[in-house]
Structures are given as C-alpha cells and as structure tokens.
Amino acid sequence: MAVEAPFNFVPLSDRVYLPDWADQISHDIPFSDGVSGVIKLTITTESDLFIRNGQTKEAEDNRFSRVKGRSFIPATSIKGEVRSLLEIMSFGKMSVDPRTKFAQREWDNRELYTIKKKQSTLQCGYLRLSNGRYEIEDHGQPFRISHKEIDKLLGRKVMEEHFSEHSEIDLNKKVAEGVNGGTTYDPKTAAYKYHLLEGEKLDGLSFSSVKGGNGRRVVYSERGSKKGDIVLTGQPDKWKVARARNAGKYYEFVFPSGVKRTYPLTTEELEHYEFIYQDSDDWTHWKPQLREGEKGIPVFFRTDEGQVKDFGLALLYKLPYDNTPADLLPEGHRETKPDLAECLFGYTRQTDSLKGRVHFGNAFSDNAQSGDEVTLVLASPKASYYPIYIEQQGAQGKTLDYKTYNDGRLAGWKRYHVRDGLWQAKTGSADTDSTLTPIRKGATFCGDVVFHNLRPIELGALLSALTFHGSDGCYHQLGQGKSYGYGRCRYEVQLTGEELREAGFYMGLFELEMDKSLESLGPWISTQQMRELFAISGTPVSRDSHHYMKLSVSPNVNDFADAKKSKSYL
C-alpha cells in the first residue's frame, strides 16, 4: 500500500535568510534607496475557482464571495498565498504555533504506544483549576466496575440496552436525542453515556471488592469500605455477554475518594492538552468543569521524577509525542530576528511588533460567471500522520524505520499539485461533504498591491513571489478545492510609481542577494527548495492521480493504517 496525497512538500532549508536592515525599518524615515508605488495585479483563473462568501454570517452559504453584485477575491486570500510563496523563495522561517502538539494511539505499535503494556500502573485523578493555577489531584489507581453492576445500581438496563451485543444502536452512527432530535451524540463517546445517565448520582458512592478481581474490581455496596466516583469513558465497540478474549469493553472506572497529592501543570502543558482534545465531544462535555471551585475533569496520567509525564481522558489515552512541531524546526527557523516576509508584511509578537509596508486590496471581476454546483470532500489528512508530514529516509517510498514527532524532522512547506483538470469526490454524508458554487475558469480579477518604503531587494522579492520570478510555467492556487484542481490562477503585474524601473531589474537584485547569502548552496534558482517549488507549481499531474487515501467505517477501509503496515511514506 503506497502513501498518496494531492500535495507534497518543499523541504525546509537549514539556512535562513535574515535581512541585515530589519532593525532600520521605519514608516516615517525612508531608506536612502527606498521605493514606493503600486503593483497593478491581474488574476486570470485557469480552472474553476471558489472562495466562500465572507459577506454573510450564514454558514451554509455556498456562493462565491460577492459585494454589491460583483465577484471578488478577498485581499486576505491573495496576501496569504503570496506571503507563503515569499517565505519559501526567500528562505524564510517556517512559523509554527508552539501550542500545537500531536498525539497518537497506535494500539499495535508497542514501541511507540508505550502505555498499553503499562496500563496497570496508570494513576487517576482530577485536572482542576485552583487559586489560578492548573493541577492534577492524584487519587491513586482506579477501580473497575462492570456495566452489569452499573445497571444494578441504576435499577434499569441502560448500559446493556445501549452497549451490549443485544443493543439495536449502531455505534458508528450518530444518535439524535432530546426534543425533536435537537442534540446529536456520537454513541462511542463518554459524553453520550453521561447524557444517558443524566440526573443519576455517580459520585461519593460506596463499593466493595470483587473476589478474583485482583483487588481492582468493585461492586456498589451501601456498606462498602471503598469510597469513590464512577467515571465513564468512551465505548469503542459493543460487549458480548459471554466474557472471553476480545469480548468488548465491559468495564467503567471508579476513582477513589481522597487526595494523595497534587501535581502542578504549566499553562503550556494545558494548552498542549487542549490542542490534542479540541475536536473531542468528551472535551466539550468536560471543559466547563475546568473552573475555579469545580471538582475538575477526571483524567488518567503517568508521572516521571515527581512530575506529570502525560495524561488523557481515557485509560488508554492519546499519547502525546515527545516534541511539538516547533521543536522539530531546524535551528535557523527558531531565530527571533525578522525574516524577509516579516519585514515586508509585518508581525506581532509578545515582546514587539512591526507594521507591514505592503498592502493588498480586494481583486474585483466584471466578467466572472457562476459554474455548476459541486460537492466535494474538503478534509485532508491530519498533520499528526507522520508518514506524510515527517521527513522519512528510504527508497521508492518505503522505509525500514519510521521517524515520528518523537525523533523526526518536518517534511517542509505544504503545496498542492497543479492538476490538468477537475475531479470530484463525495461521501454522501453531511459531516464530510461541502457544497459550493465556483466561478468558471477564464474570469479576470483586478486589484492593487500598494508598497511603501521598500528596499529594491524587498520589492524584487515581492515581485518574484507574484510572478514565480518571471516564470510563465507556474501557477498560483487560491480558494477551496485545490486538491481537486480548483483555484489554478495566473498573475500578471504592472509596476507603477515615480522613478521605478522594470520589474525584472528588482527581481535581478533579489536573485543576486540570495545567491550571495546562500553561496555555499550554489545558485539560488537551482537550490533544492526552488526546484521543488517550481516542480510542484508548474508540472500538472493527472486529474486521476495523487488522490486522498480512503478512511471509512462502512465499508471497513483504512488506507492510512495499511500504508503504515507496509512502512510506506510520501
């Protein structure tokens, strides 16, 4: 099974270009060689283009962006795409949010998922906010209580009717609950269980140990010597009444009462945890409990040398990687001095900021024609999938040993392949499909790019990003659906302003500066970074190739898992 994707990466360079005039930039005091003016930008669509209407608050609005009856490309869309290109071409820094941290739960990879073989040593407790600081209260090791015993406590067969093999509920399909089905739940989540048990008393109960349960299995007993809270976690599958190997999850947890000790957590650790669980229904359910005065969120955790090593919402929780993506950047990309893109477009940091000297305007069209409505799957593989997003070593797309976020290097700048036509893909599910009405190819959009007090080299870098350094064989890509061939555009520029020279002059100065700065790498235009950028942006691939891999519960298809088994990479 090969790894396939509609995009690839321009590799990161260890060398980063940092202008030596960055600390001299001013909006009031001009450079001695500073230039100002306007770039008249003409954008011609070479394939259908879609940018969602940002003038409406209706989430379902699938029309192209319009104002006063005119179709337009927002300035932010153009600026973002051009800035990304300029960062690559000027050997700039890759910016990565330090709050980002990925996690994995690869059950069958014990070398990577280390808690599976040590789950009996995991501790339980409550993540809470106390006196303005985050901490985890340690309540020791959890006990287990069966679904049958929970039903006995409730006096009704809630767990059996919903999660046993006799249940008529399909755990792979969402369930509508409440008045007129107003609330939808994923039945595999703990949030759904808590909904079913809403109003039931689950905390401060008494329990007794079960014989033969290694002292960890308990039953509810009014006279029991053990005190604690019943804690529910997700349900990956239905359980079988006849208990045997692979008979399905049948037990929930009891967190003992009494605090053994507390472990402090930094704000950074909490931010990483939030990032990992941000799309989780269970995190949405529990998050309100992370307030001053509340009991907190039940978590499972490990410690190392007197500190919390990692934690999560289930016993076998998502295990965070050792490093964040920011940790895997080459050293030059962690430099705090501004790179060329930051000098032109500005930046905001905790300690300082710089206002940009390049301003994009909206680009309007007088000949744009709406095309036919199309339905596409716009999701893409998560960046946690290391066979794609981490640079691998091997041959013909195979490796002997994967690099991960524990020990790898980021693959680089993500760029979509240019396609020689359009194609469509949909699942029939409202959760994954997006409907849009694109503008037909052949539309022309016009707008201005105003620049102020740029050094000639900076203007050359901007023009190079707008024109692919004067190349006629490369395409820009805008809007949604790029993986399906949508959004392919050509830019044409006209430089206007007093005492300005031809665009090629400024691009030549930029090229000379890059050659000088990157002398050890050879000519800038021939570096691997530039070759890869031009190849991805200028060599169309077939509409029938480089598709997303498939992941589906029904039928049971998982190309991502199959690719890992064969040690494949992008």
Foldseek 3Di string as FASTA:
>chain_A
DFAFFLWAFQFADLDAFFDPCLVVDDQVDFDPQFDWFKKWKKKFFPFWAAFFAPVDPDPQRFAHHDDPRWGWDFQVQVLVQLLLLLCLLNSHFDDDDLLAFEFAQDPVPCVRLVCVVVLQQWWKFFFAAEPNFTKTFTLGHKAKEFLVLVCVVVVHNPCCCQFAPPHPDDLCDWDQDDDVSPDIDRQQFQLVVCVSCPPPAFAFFAWAADPPPVRRYIHGDRPHPWHFGWDAGGFPHGAYPPDDPPRGDGITITRTDDTPDMATDDPSLVSNQCNHCVVPPVCVVFVVQHDYPHRHQMKIFDDDPRHTPDIANDSSHGGIAPAGLVVQENPVSVDPRGGLSCSACKDDDPVDIDHHQKGWHMWIFDDWDKDDKAKAQQDADDCQLQLRFFDDDDPPQFDPDGDGNNGTHTSHHMDGFAAPHFDHDDDPDPVGMRMHITTGGRIMIIIMMTGTSDRLLSLLSSVCSLQVLVDPQFWGAGHTDVSRNHRTMHMDIDTDDPPDDDSNVSVVVNQVVSCVSPVVQHRSCPHSSNVVVCCRGGPHDYSPGSHGADCDVVVHDDVSVVCVVRRGHD
